[in-house]
Amino acid sequence: MPVIKRHRNRTDADGDSESEYAPSRSASKSEPEDVATSDVGEISARSPPAAASVREKKNALEDAGVDLFDVIERSDLEATYTALMVERAKKPSANANAKRAKKNDAFVTEAAPALASPTAKKKRAAKVLEYGVDIVDAYRTLGNSSTWDKYASMKADEVKSWLKANNMRHSGTKELNVARCVDGETWGALPGCPRCRAGKLRVHYPSADAAVHDGKGTWTCGGFFDDALGLHQNCYFSADDSDEVVRERWRTKDDPAPKFGSSAAAGSNANANVDSRADFVSGFALFDRSDAAVELLRVARRLKFQLPVDDQQAKVLCLTILMATKDFEAGAWNGDAALSALREEHAPLTKTELSGGPPARCEKNSALASALDRLARLEKNAGGDAFKIRSYVAAASEIRALDRVVDSGKACAKSGPTKVKGIGKGIAEKIDEFLVSGTMQRILELESGAVA
């Protein structure tokens, strides 16, 4: 780089005179006077060097094609360098141009018709194949035209009301619901599961041709929602022999089927040996609080409601329900309303629950899974920890799904091929206890009321 000669001299602190832009004495010892311009790279316009030296600024200007002989004063150098940085800031970098081009390409791609992703296709296929075939296309084009037209002429909500009356699924498009109604009216409503007695069966037809499947196919159960625990219970019923399953009659909106699949709803008639009538003693409506609570507790116990084992806790619960349902205008207790409210939260066990829950895939595991269910219900009635209750139910569900016999709780909790999802050290100890004694100490304590 040519050395710029100054037009006026200055005197430094030592009294020596030197050109403002001439190399310093220290620099001249290590560098030749004519220093070739070094490549300092592109100086970022957004974040220039915090302490750029005079030489670096001169090099940047020279790289930009600025004639340094026109830059006389130090102030001129600073002003020229600042102007160069501002100019560069206005020009987008190569990276910025690349990003802008990529964004424009993305915009064009989004504007164009998007192809469905494999995931979306699978979801659509799953909906279409709810019955194993495309029942919408089958019933709309392959016959049953009068039945199809009957439901197709209805509004979407009315079509749903027919499905609800038959305890059938009613989510999805109107066309799918119309096809479900046509299938139900033609062959009968989908029946309940004969195994868990709480879930609703699903059918997969071998063909879309009604003359081939005749309303029969492979039946499976997806389980049911346990209202008492607020959890889904799996069921693994499967029947290839269609004669095993008998469809229910198709109900009208004005003659709906009894609510199905809810443990609370099924509780009212779960035990055929229990008289479900609310048989309160004479004069109950005018009893004082304490006597009314005792009477309601007596009736609820006789109906096998799932109440706290401790009578005092159960009595407090009954009194709370009585106060919430009391007819204050008449100043009387409403026994039927109180019993109905009590049933919503503490319904009797269903037939499935009384029998120990859904059978396990491996029959020898059924008793263990039932014990964990029993423990969960007792803990819930005793106001136990919700996390533990859910853990017991989840463990029971996983054990029911196993195709091998559980012979060690410790093995179920240990990482490896015998590990069972959701089973840790605590549940493993209870499993081992059950495998040895046939019960669990915690169940005995809760049943006897010895532990709160």
Protein backbone atom coordinates (compact mmCIF):
# COMPACT_ATOMS: atom_id res chain seq x y z
CA MET A 1 0.00 0.00 0.00
CA PRO A 2 1.51 3.38 -0.92
CA VAL A 3 2.34 5.60 1.98
CA ILE A 4 0.26 8.75 2.11
CA LYS A 5 2.37 11.86 2.64
CA ARG A 6 0.77 14.49 4.77
CA HIS A 7 0.57 18.13 3.73
CA ARG A 8 1.21 19.35 7.26
CA ASN A 9 3.20 17.93 10.09
CA ARG A 10 2.35 17.41 13.71
CA THR A 11 4.61 17.06 16.71
CA ASP A 12 4.22 14.12 19.06
CA ALA A 13 4.74 14.09 22.80
CA ASP A 14 8.49 13.52 22.35
CA GLY A 15 8.91 16.47 20.08
CA ASP A 16 9.52 14.35 17.00
CA SER A 17 7.77 15.35 13.86
CA GLU A 18 6.03 12.66 11.77
CA SER A 19 3.38 12.38 9.13
CA GLU A 20 -0.08 11.62 10.53
CA TYR A 21 -0.51 8.68 8.21
CA ALA A 22 3.08 7.57 8.17
CA PRO A 23 3.95 4.31 9.91
CA SER A 24 4.84 4.77 13.56
CA ARG A 25 8.39 4.20 14.76
CA SER A 26 7.43 0.91 16.40
CA ALA A 27 5.66 -0.22 13.30
CA SER A 28 8.53 0.73 11.04
CA LYS A 29 10.84 -1.61 12.89
CA SER A 30 8.75 -4.66 12.17
CA GLU A 31 7.16 -3.68 8.87
CA PRO A 32 8.51 -2.22 5.68
CA GLU A 33 7.39 1.26 4.88
CA ASP A 34 5.43 0.09 1.87
CA VAL A 35 3.05 -2.46 3.38
CA ALA A 36 1.01 -4.60 1.04
CA THR A 37 -2.70 -4.50 1.69
CA SER A 38 -3.83 -7.51 3.77
CA ASP A 39 -7.14 -9.21 3.31
CA VAL A 40 -9.09 -8.40 6.43
CA GLY A 41 -12.25 -9.96 5.03
CA GLU A 42 -15.64 -8.43 4.69
CA ILE A 43 -16.43 -6.11 7.56
CA SER A 44 -19.91 -6.75 8.81
CA ALA A 45 -22.15 -3.74 8.30
CA ARG A 46 -24.26 -4.72 11.26
CA SER A 47 -21.38 -5.26 13.69
CA PRO A 48 -18.13 -3.53 12.55
CA PRO A 49 -14.99 -4.08 14.59
CA ALA A 50 -15.35 -2.32 17.89
CA ALA A 51 -11.81 -0.92 17.80
CA ALA A 52 -10.76 -0.88 14.14
CA SER A 53 -7.29 0.58 13.77
CA VAL A 54 -6.38 3.26 11.30
CA ARG A 55 -4.62 0.67 9.16
CA GLU A 56 -7.68 -1.63 9.15
CA LYS A 57 -9.93 1.24 8.12
CA LYS A 58 -7.52 2.24 5.36
CA ASN A 59 -7.38 -1.35 4.13
CA ALA A 60 -11.19 -1.60 4.11
CA LEU A 61 -11.46 1.63 2.11
CA GLU A 62 -8.77 0.55 -0.31
CA ASP A 63 -10.55 -2.79 -0.86
CA ALA A 64 -13.71 -0.84 -1.62
CA GLY A 65 -11.86 1.11 -4.34
CA VAL A 66 -11.54 4.39 -2.48
CA ASP A 67 -8.57 6.55 -3.58
CA LEU A 68 -6.77 7.26 -0.33
CA PHE A 69 -4.84 10.18 -1.82
CA ASP A 70 -8.12 12.07 -1.65
CA VAL A 71 -8.35 11.35 2.09
CA ILE A 72 -6.19 14.02 3.69
CA GLU A 73 -7.26 14.50 7.30
CA ARG A 74 -8.01 11.92 10.04
CA SER A 75 -11.55 13.24 10.19
CA ASP A 76 -11.86 12.58 6.45
CA LEU A 77 -10.79 8.98 6.97
CA GLU A 78 -13.35 8.42 9.74
CA ALA A 79 -16.15 10.03 7.71
CA THR A 80 -15.28 8.01 4.59
CA TYR A 81 -15.11 4.74 6.55
CA THR A 82 -18.48 5.43 8.26
CA ALA A 83 -20.09 6.22 4.91
CA LEU A 84 -18.76 2.94 3.51
CA MET A 85 -20.29 0.97 6.42
CA VAL A 86 -23.66 2.69 5.99
CA GLU A 87 -23.64 1.90 2.29
CA ARG A 88 -22.87 -1.74 2.96
CA ALA A 89 -25.69 -1.95 5.49
CA LYS A 90 -28.14 -0.99 2.75
CA LYS A 91 -26.97 -3.83 0.52
CA PRO A 92 -28.18 -7.30 1.58
CA SER A 93 -25.49 -9.90 2.04
CA ALA A 94 -25.25 -13.08 0.01
CA ASN A 95 -26.79 -15.00 2.92
CA ALA A 96 -29.70 -12.59 3.11
CA ASN A 97 -30.33 -12.99 -0.62
CA ALA A 98 -30.25 -16.77 -0.24
CA LYS A 99 -32.76 -16.66 2.62
CA ARG A 100 -35.05 -14.36 0.64
CA ALA A 101 -34.92 -16.69 -2.35
CA LYS A 102 -35.71 -19.68 -0.12
CA LYS A 103 -38.65 -17.82 1.40
CA ASN A 104 -40.00 -16.96 -2.06
CA ASP A 105 -39.68 -20.59 -3.12
CA ALA A 106 -41.58 -21.64 0.02
CA PHE A 107 -44.31 -19.12 -0.76
CA VAL A 108 -44.71 -20.51 -4.26
CA THR A 109 -44.82 -24.04 -2.86
CA GLU A 110 -47.49 -23.10 -0.30
CA ALA A 111 -49.55 -21.37 -2.93
CA ALA A 112 -49.51 -24.46 -5.12
CA PRO A 113 -51.93 -27.32 -4.35
CA ALA A 114 -50.37 -29.30 -1.51
CA LEU A 115 -50.09 -33.05 -1.74
CA ALA A 116 -51.56 -34.99 1.18
CA SER A 117 -48.99 -36.34 3.59
CA PRO A 118 -48.80 -40.09 4.28
CA THR A 119 -50.05 -39.42 7.82
CA ALA A 120 -53.13 -37.61 6.54
CA LYS A 121 -53.82 -40.43 4.10
CA LYS A 122 -53.60 -42.99 6.89
CA LYS A 123 -56.03 -40.99 9.04
CA ARG A 124 -58.53 -40.78 6.19
CA ALA A 125 -58.12 -44.48 5.47
CA ALA A 126 -58.75 -45.31 9.13
CA LYS A 127 -62.03 -43.39 9.06
CA VAL A 128 -63.13 -44.98 5.81
CA LEU A 129 -62.28 -48.48 7.04
CA GLU A 130 -64.11 -48.26 10.36
CA TYR A 131 -66.16 -51.28 9.24
CA GLY A 132 -63.26 -52.80 7.30
CA VAL A 133 -64.72 -51.45 4.06
CA ASP A 134 -65.95 -48.13 2.69
CA ILE A 135 -69.50 -48.34 3.96
CA VAL A 136 -70.32 -44.85 2.66
CA ASP A 137 -69.70 -45.90 -0.93
CA ALA A 138 -71.24 -49.34 -0.37
CA TYR A 139 -74.59 -48.16 0.97
CA ARG A 140 -74.85 -45.11 -1.25
CA THR A 141 -74.25 -46.91 -4.54
CA LEU A 142 -74.71 -50.65 -3.99
CA GLY A 143 -78.27 -50.77 -2.80
CA ASN A 144 -80.39 -49.73 0.19
CA SER A 145 -81.11 -46.51 -1.70
CA SER A 146 -84.43 -45.90 0.05
CA THR A 147 -82.89 -46.33 3.50
CA TRP A 148 -79.96 -44.14 2.49
CA ASP A 149 -82.28 -41.41 1.21
CA LYS A 150 -84.29 -41.58 4.43
CA TYR A 151 -81.33 -40.61 6.61
CA ALA A 152 -79.58 -38.44 4.01
CA SER A 153 -82.62 -36.14 3.91
CA MET A 154 -82.30 -35.48 7.64
CA LYS A 155 -80.19 -32.75 9.19
CA ALA A 156 -76.82 -33.80 10.63
CA ASP A 157 -77.96 -33.43 14.25
CA GLU A 158 -81.03 -35.59 13.63
CA VAL A 159 -78.89 -38.35 12.12
CA LYS A 160 -76.70 -38.21 15.21
CA SER A 161 -79.74 -38.52 17.46
CA TRP A 162 -80.60 -41.87 15.83
CA LEU A 163 -77.09 -43.15 16.48
CA LYS A 164 -77.17 -41.90 20.06
CA ALA A 165 -80.47 -43.72 20.60
CA ASN A 166 -78.65 -46.94 19.67
CA ASN A 167 -75.48 -46.20 21.67
CA MET A 168 -73.40 -46.02 18.49
CA ARG A 169 -70.55 -43.79 17.44
CA HIS A 170 -71.67 -40.50 15.93
CA SER A 171 -68.45 -38.57 15.26
CA GLY A 172 -67.31 -37.80 11.73
CA THR A 173 -69.03 -36.53 8.61
CA LYS A 174 -72.75 -36.65 7.99
CA GLU A 175 -72.24 -39.18 5.17
CA LEU A 176 -70.44 -41.55 7.52
CA ASN A 177 -73.21 -41.21 10.12
CA VAL A 178 -75.84 -41.86 7.45
CA ALA A 179 -73.96 -45.03 6.45
CA ARG A 180 -73.85 -46.13 10.10
CA CYS A 181 -77.61 -45.65 10.38
CA VAL A 182 -78.24 -47.62 7.16
CA ASP A 183 -76.03 -50.43 8.45
CA GLY A 184 -77.79 -50.43 11.81
CA GLU A 185 -81.31 -50.43 10.39
CA THR A 186 -80.40 -53.17 7.90
CA TRP A 187 -78.55 -55.55 10.19
CA GLY A 188 -79.20 -54.30 13.72
CA ALA A 189 -77.30 -52.06 16.13
CA LEU A 190 -73.77 -53.01 17.15
CA PRO A 191 -74.00 -55.12 20.33
CA GLY A 192 -72.18 -54.91 23.61
CA CYS A 193 -69.12 -56.98 24.39
CA PRO A 194 -70.00 -60.37 25.91
CA ARG A 195 -66.59 -60.49 27.59
CA CYS A 196 -66.14 -57.21 29.46
CA ARG A 197 -69.92 -56.45 29.43
CA ALA A 198 -69.16 -52.76 29.18
CA GLY A 199 -67.51 -52.06 25.83
CA LYS A 200 -69.20 -51.76 22.45
CA LEU A 201 -68.19 -54.19 19.70
CA ARG A 202 -66.86 -53.16 16.32
CA VAL A 203 -67.21 -55.21 13.15
CA HIS A 204 -64.91 -55.55 10.14
CA TYR A 205 -66.71 -56.85 7.07
CA PRO A 206 -64.79 -59.17 4.72
CA SER A 207 -66.33 -57.44 1.70
CA ALA A 208 -68.24 -54.29 0.80
CA ASP A 209 -70.89 -56.47 -0.85
CA ALA A 210 -73.78 -56.88 1.59
CA ALA A 211 -74.73 -60.17 -0.02
CA VAL A 212 -71.30 -61.48 1.03
CA HIS A 213 -70.96 -60.20 4.59
CA ASP A 214 -74.68 -60.41 5.53
CA GLY A 215 -74.05 -58.07 8.46
CA LYS A 216 -71.35 -60.36 9.90
CA GLY A 217 -67.59 -60.16 10.12
CA THR A 218 -64.72 -60.09 12.60
CA TRP A 219 -65.77 -58.62 15.95
CA THR A 220 -63.48 -56.82 18.38
CA CYS A 221 -63.91 -54.75 21.53
CA GLY A 222 -61.99 -51.56 22.16
CA GLY A 223 -62.70 -51.53 25.90
CA PHE A 224 -64.73 -49.03 27.90
CA PHE A 225 -64.41 -45.90 30.02
CA ASP A 226 -64.56 -46.56 33.76
CA ASP A 227 -66.52 -43.65 35.26
CA ALA A 228 -65.58 -44.60 38.80
CA LEU A 229 -61.86 -44.24 38.13
CA GLY A 230 -62.01 -41.83 35.21
CA LEU A 231 -59.84 -44.12 33.07
CA HIS A 232 -60.17 -46.23 29.93
CA GLN A 233 -60.15 -49.99 30.50
CA ASN A 234 -58.89 -52.15 27.62
CA CYS A 235 -60.64 -55.32 26.50
CA TYR A 236 -59.19 -57.87 24.10
CA PHE A 237 -62.31 -59.70 22.95
CA SER A 238 -62.10 -60.94 19.37
CA ALA A 239 -64.42 -63.29 17.48
CA ASP A 240 -63.93 -64.49 13.92
CA ASP A 241 -67.00 -66.71 14.20
CA SER A 242 -69.81 -64.23 13.62
CA ASP A 243 -72.41 -66.57 15.07
CA GLU A 244 -70.91 -65.81 18.48
CA VAL A 245 -72.28 -62.27 18.33
CA VAL A 246 -75.94 -61.32 18.00
CA ARG A 247 -76.88 -57.80 16.91
CA GLU A 248 -79.35 -55.71 18.90
CA ARG A 249 -82.57 -54.40 17.46
CA TRP A 250 -82.44 -50.99 15.82
CA ARG A 251 -84.07 -48.40 18.08
CA THR A 252 -85.90 -45.23 17.11
CA LYS A 253 -85.27 -41.80 18.60
CA ASP A 254 -88.41 -42.15 20.68
CA ASP A 255 -87.38 -45.54 22.04
CA PRO A 256 -83.68 -45.19 22.93
CA ALA A 257 -81.64 -48.09 24.23
CA PRO A 258 -80.48 -47.98 27.85
CA LYS A 259 -77.21 -46.14 28.26
CA PHE A 260 -74.41 -48.57 27.59
CA GLY A 261 -70.76 -48.80 28.57
CA SER A 262 -70.83 -46.46 31.57
CA SER A 263 -70.07 -48.08 34.89
CA ALA A 264 -72.17 -45.47 36.69
CA ALA A 265 -75.15 -46.10 34.45
CA ALA A 266 -74.77 -49.84 34.64
CA GLY A 267 -74.48 -49.71 38.40
CA SER A 268 -78.19 -49.37 39.00
CA ASN A 269 -78.85 -52.88 37.74
CA ALA A 270 -75.39 -54.39 37.93
CA ASN A 271 -76.22 -56.97 40.58
CA ALA A 272 -79.35 -58.94 39.89
CA ASN A 273 -79.44 -60.10 43.53
CA VAL A 274 -79.72 -56.53 44.85
CA ASP A 275 -83.10 -54.86 45.17
CA SER A 276 -82.56 -51.45 43.58
CA ARG A 277 -85.64 -49.79 45.12
CA ALA A 278 -84.96 -46.87 47.45
CA ASP A 279 -86.82 -48.41 50.39
CA PHE A 280 -86.63 -45.62 52.98
CA VAL A 281 -88.35 -46.08 56.31
CA SER A 282 -91.62 -44.25 56.98
CA GLY A 283 -91.20 -40.63 58.02
CA PHE A 284 -87.72 -40.29 56.52
CA ALA A 285 -88.52 -36.95 54.89
CA LEU A 286 -88.90 -35.29 58.33
CA PHE A 287 -85.97 -36.93 60.12
CA ASP A 288 -83.34 -34.72 61.73
CA ARG A 289 -79.99 -34.43 59.99
CA SER A 290 -78.19 -37.19 61.82
CA ASP A 291 -80.97 -39.76 61.50
CA ALA A 292 -81.55 -38.89 57.83
CA ALA A 293 -77.86 -39.40 57.05
CA VAL A 294 -77.86 -42.75 58.85
CA GLU A 295 -80.95 -43.90 56.91
CA LEU A 296 -79.51 -42.82 53.55
CA LEU A 297 -76.30 -44.67 54.40
CA ARG A 298 -78.27 -47.81 55.27
CA VAL A 299 -80.07 -47.80 51.93
CA ALA A 300 -76.87 -47.05 49.99
CA ARG A 301 -75.03 -49.88 51.76
CA ARG A 302 -77.84 -52.31 50.93
CA LEU A 303 -77.64 -51.26 47.28
CA LYS A 304 -73.89 -51.95 47.34
CA PHE A 305 -72.85 -48.37 46.65
CA GLN A 306 -69.06 -47.88 46.70
CA LEU A 307 -68.85 -45.76 49.84
CA PRO A 308 -65.97 -45.18 52.29
CA VAL A 309 -65.45 -48.17 54.58
CA ASP A 310 -65.43 -45.92 57.63
CA ASP A 311 -69.07 -45.33 58.70
CA GLN A 312 -68.36 -41.84 60.03
CA GLN A 313 -66.83 -40.72 56.74
CA ALA A 314 -69.69 -42.29 54.81
CA LYS A 315 -72.24 -40.59 57.09
CA VAL A 316 -70.67 -37.17 56.47
CA LEU A 317 -70.80 -37.86 52.73
CA CYS A 318 -74.49 -38.81 52.91
CA LEU A 319 -75.33 -35.68 54.93
CA THR A 320 -73.60 -33.51 52.33
CA ILE A 321 -75.68 -35.11 49.57
CA LEU A 322 -78.88 -34.69 51.60
CA MET A 323 -78.26 -30.97 52.12
CA ALA A 324 -77.56 -30.50 48.41
CA THR A 325 -80.85 -32.19 47.38
CA LYS A 326 -83.17 -31.06 50.18
CA ASP A 327 -86.54 -29.55 49.32
CA PHE A 328 -86.21 -26.40 51.43
CA GLU A 329 -89.65 -25.05 50.50
CA ALA A 330 -91.32 -28.14 51.95
CA GLY A 331 -88.66 -28.51 54.63
CA ALA A 332 -88.22 -32.21 53.78
CA TRP A 333 -85.49 -34.53 52.65
CA ASN A 334 -85.72 -35.81 49.06
CA GLY A 335 -84.54 -39.41 49.42
CA ASP A 336 -84.80 -40.34 45.73
CA ALA A 337 -82.87 -37.25 44.61
CA ALA A 338 -80.20 -37.85 47.26
CA LEU A 339 -79.81 -41.49 46.24
CA SER A 340 -79.58 -40.52 42.56
CA ALA A 341 -76.87 -37.95 43.30
CA LEU A 342 -75.01 -40.47 45.44
CA ARG A 343 -75.16 -43.03 42.64
CA GLU A 344 -73.45 -40.68 40.18
CA GLU A 345 -70.22 -40.69 42.17
CA HIS A 346 -70.47 -43.96 44.12
CA ALA A 347 -72.42 -46.34 41.88
CA PRO A 348 -72.48 -50.07 42.67
CA LEU A 349 -69.99 -52.27 40.90
CA THR A 350 -71.04 -53.43 37.47
CA LYS A 351 -71.25 -57.12 36.58
CA THR A 352 -67.84 -56.78 35.00
CA GLU A 353 -66.38 -55.21 38.12
CA LEU A 354 -68.04 -57.78 40.37
CA SER A 355 -66.50 -60.54 38.29
CA GLY A 356 -63.04 -58.99 38.66
CA GLY A 357 -62.89 -56.86 35.52
CA PRO A 358 -62.22 -57.86 31.93
CA PRO A 359 -60.39 -61.19 31.53
CA ALA A 360 -56.69 -61.00 30.70
CA ARG A 361 -55.24 -62.34 27.47
CA CYS A 362 -53.36 -64.86 29.54
CA GLU A 363 -56.03 -66.32 31.81
CA LYS A 364 -53.63 -66.88 34.73
CA ASN A 365 -53.05 -63.12 34.98
CA SER A 366 -56.74 -62.26 35.44
CA ALA A 367 -56.73 -62.65 39.23
CA LEU A 368 -53.68 -60.39 39.61
CA ALA A 369 -55.19 -57.69 37.39
CA SER A 370 -58.48 -57.92 39.32
CA ALA A 371 -56.61 -57.47 42.60
CA LEU A 372 -54.98 -54.29 41.33
CA ASP A 373 -58.39 -53.01 40.18
CA ARG A 374 -59.80 -53.84 43.60
CA LEU A 375 -56.97 -51.97 45.29
CA ALA A 376 -57.56 -48.93 43.07
CA ARG A 377 -61.28 -48.81 43.94
CA LEU A 378 -60.66 -49.19 47.66
CA GLU A 379 -58.07 -46.42 47.56
CA LYS A 380 -60.50 -44.18 45.69
CA ASN A 381 -63.27 -44.80 48.23
CA ALA A 382 -60.81 -44.02 51.02
CA GLY A 383 -59.76 -40.77 49.35
CA GLY A 384 -56.33 -42.10 48.45
CA ASP A 385 -53.69 -40.51 46.26
CA ALA A 386 -55.02 -40.04 42.71
CA PHE A 387 -51.62 -40.72 41.14
CA LYS A 388 -51.35 -44.10 42.87
CA ILE A 389 -54.90 -45.02 41.88
CA ARG A 390 -54.15 -44.33 38.22
CA SER A 391 -50.92 -46.28 38.49
CA TYR A 392 -52.74 -49.35 39.82
CA VAL A 393 -55.33 -49.21 37.03
CA ALA A 394 -52.66 -48.69 34.36
CA ALA A 395 -50.66 -51.63 35.72
CA ALA A 396 -53.75 -53.84 35.68
CA SER A 397 -54.41 -52.87 32.07
CA GLU A 398 -50.84 -53.66 31.02
CA ILE A 399 -50.95 -57.03 32.79
CA ARG A 400 -54.20 -57.92 31.02
CA ALA A 401 -52.50 -57.21 27.69
CA LEU A 402 -49.60 -59.60 28.32
CA ASP A 403 -49.48 -62.91 26.47
CA ARG A 404 -47.27 -64.50 29.13
CA VAL A 405 -47.77 -65.36 32.79
CA VAL A 406 -46.57 -62.87 35.38
CA ASP A 407 -44.55 -64.88 37.90
CA SER A 408 -42.42 -62.12 39.42
CA GLY A 409 -43.22 -58.52 40.28
CA LYS A 410 -39.55 -57.69 40.55
CA ALA A 411 -38.99 -58.91 36.99
CA CYS A 412 -41.85 -56.67 35.78
CA ALA A 413 -40.11 -53.62 37.23
CA LYS A 414 -36.61 -54.45 36.02
CA SER A 415 -35.38 -53.19 32.65
CA GLY A 416 -35.20 -55.91 30.06
CA PRO A 417 -37.45 -58.34 28.19
CA THR A 418 -39.68 -58.92 31.25
CA LYS A 419 -40.24 -55.21 31.95
CA VAL A 420 -43.91 -54.20 32.04
CA LYS A 421 -44.78 -50.59 31.30
CA GLY A 422 -46.00 -48.61 34.30
CA ILE A 423 -44.79 -51.06 36.95
CA GLY A 424 -42.17 -49.74 39.37
CA LYS A 425 -40.75 -50.92 42.65
CA GLY A 426 -43.88 -50.22 44.75
CA ILE A 427 -46.34 -52.04 42.50
CA ALA A 428 -43.79 -54.83 41.96
CA GLU A 429 -43.72 -55.49 45.71
CA LYS A 430 -47.54 -55.69 45.78
CA ILE A 431 -47.49 -58.11 42.85
CA ASP A 432 -45.00 -60.38 44.59
CA GLU A 433 -47.12 -60.19 47.74
CA PHE A 434 -50.19 -61.28 45.78
CA LEU A 435 -48.33 -64.11 44.03
CA VAL A 436 -47.32 -65.50 47.43
CA SER A 437 -50.46 -64.93 49.53
CA GLY A 438 -53.25 -64.45 46.99
CA THR A 439 -54.05 -60.97 48.32
CA MET A 440 -52.40 -57.70 49.33
CA GLN A 441 -52.01 -56.33 52.84
CA ARG A 442 -53.17 -52.92 51.70
CA ILE A 443 -56.44 -54.42 50.40
CA LEU A 444 -57.07 -56.10 53.77
CA GLU A 445 -56.38 -52.85 55.61
CA LEU A 446 -58.73 -50.83 53.42
CA GLU A 447 -61.48 -53.44 53.57
CA SER A 448 -61.32 -53.56 57.36
CA GLY A 449 -61.13 -49.78 57.69
CA ALA A 450 -57.95 -50.11 59.76
CA VAL A 451 -56.18 -47.50 57.62
CA ALA A 452 -57.59 -44.15 56.58
